[in-house]
Amino acid sequence: MDNCLIDAEYNELPGFYRNKVRDAYQLPDRRRLLISTDRQSAFDQVLAAVPYKGQVLTQTARYWFDETEDICPNHVISYPDPNVVMVKDLDMLPIEMVVRTYLTGSTNTSAWPMYDRGERTLYGHEFPDGLKKNQKLPKPIITPTTKPAQGQHDAPTTESEVLETQLVTTEQWYELAERSLALFARGQELAAKKGLILVDTKYEFGLDENGVIVVADEIHTPDSSRFWIADTYQTKFEAGEEPDSLDKEFLRLWIANQCDPYKDPIPEIPAETLIEFSNKYIALFEQLTGLKFEKPDPSVSVRARIRDALAKELPEYF
């Protein structure tokens, strides 16, 4: 726990800005540097630090970017460090493309809580009565959200609202939908081969300097997606139990069992819970990729290691 990366601000580099999980730098040559820290967010709050989490996210996304570049170009330029990716600076589109194939979730914008509150039209899709939590849908659906300003919540929207308000052009919307479903199908296919179910995920896209749509941010990571263990899903579903999962939902459910995270202060998360959570992320990486997760040398500061890598990648600043 002592070697978690919480802060990746380096004064030598220009254009620093901070998101909930990533520290980033806007470089002047249409490049951005994204550093995945070990900060953990849930319910729109940064709550703790999870060992090795930033490295797992970066390396899991790397696996998926490599496995999907024939479907959609991505923003990756290079990987200077296990926690760091250098990317093309894109004009980001103001919409998150969420693809779901199960009725599940625990946040207010997830499909199951909305359905459980009595809503039957979710993100423009009609749902019948009588469905159960974690039930499989007939086919994958897109449930888009608008990307909020800093500090605000994602807002559910629909295809018709997106087209009406021209958040993106009609042509862009249909390309985003096509690429999102194709990426999701590839994710389902490869996950199934490893005994996993890709339940849902979100994609972010931007335009490059030529106006080409490019997938950005992260893809099919345990932060942006739900993954269930395929072998036990049906038994758990029939028993009305939560599926065995290897993703962020473990922590969301732990928090929801302690308090109402939208009304109450969230209690401190015990170290043993954070370690169990970390182990789930590592297990997902290893099961998906077939690779052994290489933990960093505990005698070397992750922050110092990253600084050394950046000094080699960007010597003009150091």
Protein backbone atom coordinates (compact mmCIF):
# COMPACT_ATOMS: atom_id res chain seq x y z
CA MET A 1 0.00 0.00 0.00
CA ASP A 2 2.95 2.34 0.66
CA ASN A 3 4.06 2.43 -2.99
CA CYS A 4 0.70 3.41 -4.50
CA LEU A 5 0.83 6.15 -7.11
CA ILE A 6 -1.50 8.90 -5.94
CA ASP A 7 0.09 11.99 -7.48
CA ALA A 8 1.76 12.13 -10.90
CA GLU A 9 2.24 15.88 -11.22
CA TYR A 10 5.74 16.71 -12.47
CA ASN A 11 6.56 20.41 -12.50
CA GLU A 12 8.89 20.05 -15.49
CA LEU A 13 6.03 19.18 -17.85
CA PRO A 14 3.53 21.68 -19.32
CA GLY A 15 -0.25 21.53 -19.52
CA PHE A 16 -1.00 19.53 -16.38
CA TYR A 17 -4.60 18.63 -15.56
CA ARG A 18 -6.16 16.04 -13.29
CA ASN A 19 -9.12 13.70 -13.69
CA LYS A 20 -10.46 11.36 -11.01
CA VAL A 21 -8.07 8.53 -11.87
CA ARG A 22 -5.58 9.94 -14.40
CA ASP A 23 -3.09 12.76 -14.28
CA ALA A 24 -2.49 14.17 -17.74
CA TYR A 25 -0.43 16.68 -19.68
CA GLN A 26 -1.46 18.61 -22.76
CA LEU A 27 1.75 18.88 -24.77
CA PRO A 28 2.12 21.64 -27.38
CA ASP A 29 2.57 19.30 -30.37
CA ARG A 30 -0.90 17.70 -30.45
CA ARG A 31 0.14 14.98 -28.04
CA ARG A 32 -1.18 14.18 -24.60
CA LEU A 33 0.43 12.19 -21.83
CA LEU A 34 -1.95 10.06 -19.73
CA ILE A 35 -0.71 8.62 -16.44
CA SER A 36 -2.99 6.11 -14.71
CA THR A 37 -2.62 6.54 -10.96
CA ASP A 38 -3.81 4.13 -8.27
CA ARG A 39 -6.57 6.52 -7.18
CA GLN A 40 -9.95 4.80 -6.98
CA SER A 41 -13.20 6.57 -7.75
CA ALA A 42 -16.76 5.36 -7.31
CA PHE A 43 -20.06 7.24 -7.23
CA ASP A 44 -18.20 10.29 -8.61
CA GLN A 45 -15.83 10.50 -5.64
CA VAL A 46 -12.14 9.66 -5.24
CA LEU A 47 -12.11 7.31 -2.27
CA ALA A 48 -8.81 5.48 -1.85
CA ALA A 49 -5.69 4.14 -3.52
CA VAL A 50 -5.63 0.58 -4.86
CA PRO A 51 -2.25 -1.17 -5.26
CA TYR A 52 -1.14 -1.67 -8.89
CA LYS A 53 -4.43 -0.38 -10.25
CA GLY A 54 -2.94 2.21 -12.61
CA GLN A 55 -0.62 -0.35 -14.15
CA VAL A 56 -3.46 -2.87 -14.58
CA LEU A 57 -5.63 -0.27 -16.33
CA THR A 58 -2.87 0.82 -18.71
CA GLN A 59 -1.80 -2.70 -19.60
CA THR A 60 -5.36 -4.02 -19.96
CA ALA A 61 -6.26 -1.13 -22.27
CA ARG A 62 -3.06 -1.80 -24.24
CA TYR A 63 -4.13 -5.40 -24.81
CA TRP A 64 -7.54 -4.30 -26.08
CA PHE A 65 -6.24 -1.45 -28.25
CA ASP A 66 -3.93 -3.96 -29.94
CA GLU A 67 -6.77 -6.47 -30.39
CA THR A 68 -9.21 -3.98 -31.91
CA GLU A 69 -7.14 -1.68 -34.13
CA ASP A 70 -8.56 -3.44 -37.21
CA ILE A 71 -12.05 -2.30 -36.12
CA CYS A 72 -11.33 1.30 -35.15
CA PRO A 73 -8.17 3.42 -35.06
CA ASN A 74 -7.08 4.37 -31.54
CA HIS A 75 -5.21 7.29 -30.03
CA VAL A 76 -2.08 5.42 -28.87
CA ILE A 77 1.40 6.65 -29.87
CA SER A 78 3.64 4.87 -27.34
CA TYR A 79 3.90 3.42 -23.83
CA PRO A 80 6.85 5.06 -22.03
CA ASP A 81 6.08 3.22 -18.76
CA PRO A 82 3.66 0.52 -17.50
CA ASN A 83 1.44 3.31 -16.07
CA VAL A 84 1.83 5.77 -18.95
CA VAL A 85 0.54 6.14 -22.49
CA MET A 86 1.40 8.87 -24.97
CA VAL A 87 -1.59 9.60 -27.18
CA LYS A 88 -2.72 11.78 -30.05
CA ASP A 89 -4.58 14.88 -28.98
CA LEU A 90 -8.12 14.56 -30.33
CA ASP A 91 -11.17 16.78 -30.48
CA MET A 92 -13.24 14.66 -28.10
CA LEU A 93 -16.89 14.08 -28.95
CA PRO A 94 -19.29 15.09 -26.14
CA ILE A 95 -20.92 11.69 -25.69
CA GLU A 96 -20.07 8.38 -24.04
CA MET A 97 -21.18 5.31 -25.94
CA VAL A 98 -22.27 2.77 -23.33
CA VAL A 99 -23.06 -0.72 -24.64
CA ARG A 100 -25.01 -3.15 -22.44
CA THR A 101 -26.15 -6.71 -22.87
CA TYR A 102 -27.42 -7.41 -19.33
CA LEU A 103 -29.88 -5.58 -17.07
CA THR A 104 -27.55 -4.73 -14.22
CA GLY A 105 -25.70 -2.00 -12.36
CA SER A 106 -25.68 -0.11 -9.08
CA THR A 107 -25.23 3.56 -10.03
CA ASN A 108 -28.15 5.90 -10.69
CA THR A 109 -27.52 5.93 -14.46
CA SER A 110 -27.21 2.12 -14.72
CA ALA A 111 -29.99 0.16 -16.36
CA TRP A 112 -31.10 -1.95 -13.39
CA PRO A 113 -31.60 0.88 -10.84
CA MET A 114 -33.61 2.81 -13.45
CA TYR A 115 -35.73 -0.27 -14.23
CA ASP A 116 -36.13 -1.07 -10.52
CA ARG A 117 -37.49 2.45 -9.93
CA GLY A 118 -40.31 1.62 -12.34
CA GLU A 119 -38.93 3.15 -15.52
CA ARG A 120 -39.67 1.10 -18.61
CA THR A 121 -38.21 3.39 -21.28
CA LEU A 122 -34.47 3.44 -20.69
CA TYR A 123 -32.26 5.51 -22.98
CA GLY A 124 -34.95 5.31 -25.66
CA HIS A 125 -35.33 1.50 -25.41
CA GLU A 126 -38.61 -0.10 -24.29
CA PHE A 127 -38.36 -2.79 -21.58
CA PRO A 128 -41.17 -5.20 -20.58
CA ASP A 129 -42.30 -5.82 -17.01
CA GLY A 130 -41.04 -8.83 -15.10
CA LEU A 131 -37.31 -8.67 -15.80
CA LYS A 132 -34.83 -9.54 -13.07
CA LYS A 133 -31.53 -8.00 -12.05
CA ASN A 134 -28.57 -9.35 -14.08
CA GLN A 135 -30.86 -10.84 -16.75
CA LYS A 136 -29.45 -11.08 -20.26
CA LEU A 137 -31.02 -8.80 -22.87
CA PRO A 138 -32.04 -10.13 -26.30
CA LYS A 139 -29.18 -8.20 -27.94
CA PRO A 140 -26.62 -5.52 -27.04
CA ILE A 141 -28.06 -2.03 -26.79
CA ILE A 142 -26.46 1.42 -26.78
CA THR A 143 -27.36 3.59 -23.78
CA PRO A 144 -25.48 6.85 -24.39
CA THR A 145 -24.69 9.52 -21.84
CA THR A 146 -23.59 13.09 -22.35
CA LYS A 147 -20.12 13.88 -21.05
CA PRO A 148 -20.48 16.31 -18.15
CA ALA A 149 -18.51 19.39 -17.27
CA GLN A 150 -15.88 18.85 -14.58
CA GLY A 151 -17.51 17.84 -11.29
CA GLN A 152 -20.93 17.05 -12.77
CA HIS A 153 -22.65 13.71 -13.37
CA ASP A 154 -23.14 11.83 -16.63
CA ALA A 155 -26.63 12.50 -18.00
CA PRO A 156 -28.61 9.75 -19.76
CA THR A 157 -29.66 10.58 -23.30
CA THR A 158 -31.10 8.81 -26.35
CA GLU A 159 -30.30 8.46 -30.02
CA SER A 160 -33.18 10.78 -30.95
CA GLU A 161 -32.04 13.45 -28.45
CA VAL A 162 -28.47 13.26 -29.74
CA LEU A 163 -29.67 13.72 -33.32
CA GLU A 164 -32.16 16.45 -32.39
CA THR A 165 -29.60 18.51 -30.48
CA GLN A 166 -26.79 17.65 -32.93
CA LEU A 167 -24.41 16.77 -30.09
CA VAL A 168 -22.71 14.97 -32.95
CA THR A 169 -23.70 14.94 -36.60
CA THR A 170 -26.08 12.28 -37.89
CA GLU A 171 -23.27 10.69 -39.87
CA GLN A 172 -21.00 10.67 -36.81
CA TRP A 173 -23.70 9.12 -34.63
CA TYR A 174 -24.24 6.17 -36.94
CA GLU A 175 -20.51 5.61 -37.28
CA LEU A 176 -20.10 5.78 -33.48
CA ALA A 177 -22.91 3.27 -33.01
CA GLU A 178 -21.50 0.90 -35.63
CA ARG A 179 -17.97 1.06 -34.22
CA SER A 180 -19.17 0.70 -30.61
CA LEU A 181 -21.17 -2.45 -31.38
CA ALA A 182 -18.27 -3.90 -33.39
CA LEU A 183 -15.78 -3.21 -30.59
CA PHE A 184 -18.18 -4.74 -28.08
CA ALA A 185 -18.66 -7.85 -30.23
CA ARG A 186 -14.89 -8.31 -30.41
CA GLY A 187 -14.69 -7.86 -26.64
CA GLN A 188 -17.43 -10.45 -26.06
CA GLU A 189 -15.75 -12.91 -28.42
CA LEU A 190 -12.30 -12.70 -26.83
CA ALA A 191 -13.65 -12.61 -23.27
CA ALA A 192 -15.77 -15.72 -23.92
CA LYS A 193 -12.67 -17.62 -25.04
CA LYS A 194 -11.18 -16.88 -21.60
CA GLY A 195 -14.26 -17.93 -19.61
CA LEU A 196 -15.52 -14.39 -19.08
CA ILE A 197 -18.65 -12.43 -19.98
CA LEU A 198 -18.20 -8.83 -21.14
CA VAL A 199 -21.39 -7.46 -19.59
CA ASP A 200 -21.23 -3.78 -20.51
CA THR A 201 -18.69 -1.07 -21.21
CA LYS A 202 -18.28 2.53 -22.26
CA TYR A 203 -16.35 4.00 -25.17
CA GLU A 204 -15.12 7.52 -25.75
CA PHE A 205 -14.24 8.80 -29.19
CA GLY A 206 -12.62 11.86 -30.69
CA LEU A 207 -11.73 13.30 -34.08
CA ASP A 208 -8.14 13.43 -35.28
CA GLU A 209 -6.68 16.25 -37.36
CA ASN A 210 -8.29 14.74 -40.48
CA GLY A 211 -11.75 14.37 -38.92
CA VAL A 212 -11.40 10.60 -38.55
CA ILE A 213 -13.24 9.01 -35.60
CA VAL A 214 -10.74 7.48 -33.17
CA VAL A 215 -11.41 5.48 -29.99
CA ALA A 216 -9.72 7.08 -26.98
CA ASP A 217 -9.38 7.05 -23.19
CA GLU A 218 -9.51 3.34 -22.25
CA ILE A 219 -11.19 0.24 -23.62
CA HIS A 220 -12.59 -2.86 -21.90
CA THR A 221 -10.80 -2.21 -18.59
CA PRO A 222 -12.26 -3.24 -15.21
CA ASP A 223 -12.90 0.46 -14.52
CA SER A 224 -14.93 1.06 -17.69
CA SER A 225 -16.55 -2.38 -18.04
CA ARG A 226 -18.19 -5.21 -16.14
CA PHE A 227 -16.78 -8.72 -16.47
CA TRP A 228 -18.46 -11.80 -14.99
CA ILE A 229 -17.20 -15.35 -14.60
CA ALA A 230 -19.07 -17.31 -17.27
CA ASP A 231 -19.15 -20.70 -15.50
CA THR A 232 -21.05 -19.47 -12.43
CA TYR A 233 -23.31 -16.82 -13.99
CA GLN A 234 -26.41 -18.95 -14.58
CA THR A 235 -26.34 -20.59 -11.14
CA LYS A 236 -25.91 -17.23 -9.41
CA PHE A 237 -28.65 -15.62 -11.52
CA GLU A 238 -31.17 -18.37 -10.77
CA ALA A 239 -30.38 -18.11 -7.05
CA GLY A 240 -30.88 -14.33 -7.12
CA GLU A 241 -27.24 -13.76 -6.16
CA GLU A 242 -24.72 -11.30 -7.55
CA PRO A 243 -22.49 -12.79 -10.27
CA ASP A 244 -18.83 -13.49 -9.61
CA SER A 245 -17.16 -10.42 -11.08
CA LEU A 246 -13.68 -9.09 -11.81
CA ASP A 247 -14.33 -5.36 -12.05
CA LYS A 248 -15.21 -2.16 -10.23
CA GLU A 249 -18.67 -3.43 -9.27
CA PHE A 250 -17.10 -5.32 -6.33
CA LEU A 251 -16.24 -1.98 -4.70
CA ARG A 252 -19.52 -0.30 -5.67
CA LEU A 253 -21.49 -3.11 -4.02
CA TRP A 254 -19.28 -3.00 -0.91
CA ILE A 255 -19.97 0.73 -0.58
CA ALA A 256 -23.72 0.33 -1.25
CA ASN A 257 -23.87 -2.24 1.56
CA GLN A 258 -22.36 0.30 3.99
CA CYS A 259 -24.39 3.41 3.12
CA ASP A 260 -26.41 5.27 0.51
CA PRO A 261 -23.49 6.71 -1.48
CA TYR A 262 -25.66 9.45 -2.97
CA LYS A 263 -26.76 10.75 0.45
CA ASP A 264 -24.35 9.56 3.14
CA PRO A 265 -20.62 10.00 3.69
CA ILE A 266 -18.80 6.95 2.33
CA PRO A 267 -16.83 5.21 5.10
CA GLU A 268 -13.12 4.54 4.85
CA ILE A 269 -12.48 1.37 2.86
CA PRO A 270 -10.45 -1.20 4.84
CA ALA A 271 -7.00 -2.14 3.53
CA GLU A 272 -7.98 -5.80 3.17
CA THR A 273 -10.93 -4.83 0.95
CA LEU A 274 -8.65 -2.71 -1.26
CA ILE A 275 -6.16 -5.58 -1.56
CA GLU A 276 -8.97 -8.00 -2.50
CA PHE A 277 -10.12 -5.46 -5.06
CA SER A 278 -6.58 -5.14 -6.45
CA ASN A 279 -6.32 -8.91 -6.76
CA LYS A 280 -9.53 -8.98 -8.82
CA TYR A 281 -8.10 -6.44 -11.28
CA ILE A 282 -4.88 -8.43 -11.58
CA ALA A 283 -6.83 -11.68 -12.04
CA LEU A 284 -8.84 -10.10 -14.86
CA PHE A 285 -5.69 -8.92 -16.64
CA GLU A 286 -4.07 -12.33 -16.39
CA GLN A 287 -7.19 -14.27 -17.41
CA LEU A 288 -7.89 -12.02 -20.39
CA THR A 289 -4.38 -11.68 -21.74
CA GLY A 290 -2.78 -14.97 -20.69
CA LEU A 291 0.16 -12.90 -19.42
CA LYS A 292 1.66 -12.82 -15.94
CA PHE A 293 1.17 -9.45 -14.25
CA GLU A 294 4.60 -8.09 -13.36
CA LYS A 295 4.37 -6.23 -10.06
CA PRO A 296 6.77 -3.30 -9.77
CA ASP A 297 9.90 -3.54 -7.63
CA PRO A 298 8.71 -2.51 -4.14
CA SER A 299 12.09 -0.92 -3.41
CA VAL A 300 11.64 1.59 -6.26
CA SER A 301 9.15 4.44 -6.01
CA VAL A 302 6.58 4.18 -8.83
CA ARG A 303 6.50 7.96 -9.02
CA ALA A 304 10.30 8.14 -9.41
CA ARG A 305 10.30 5.33 -11.98
CA ILE A 306 7.73 7.18 -14.09
CA ARG A 307 9.74 10.41 -13.85
CA ASP A 308 12.82 8.60 -15.18
CA ALA A 309 10.77 7.15 -18.06
CA LEU A 310 9.35 10.57 -18.93
CA ALA A 311 12.81 12.14 -18.85
CA LYS A 312 13.88 9.62 -21.52
CA GLU A 313 10.70 10.09 -23.58
CA LEU A 314 10.65 13.90 -23.30
CA PRO A 315 14.26 14.99 -22.63
CA GLU A 316 13.52 18.52 -23.81
CA TYR A 317 11.58 19.14 -20.58
CA PHE A 318 13.94 17.55 -18.06
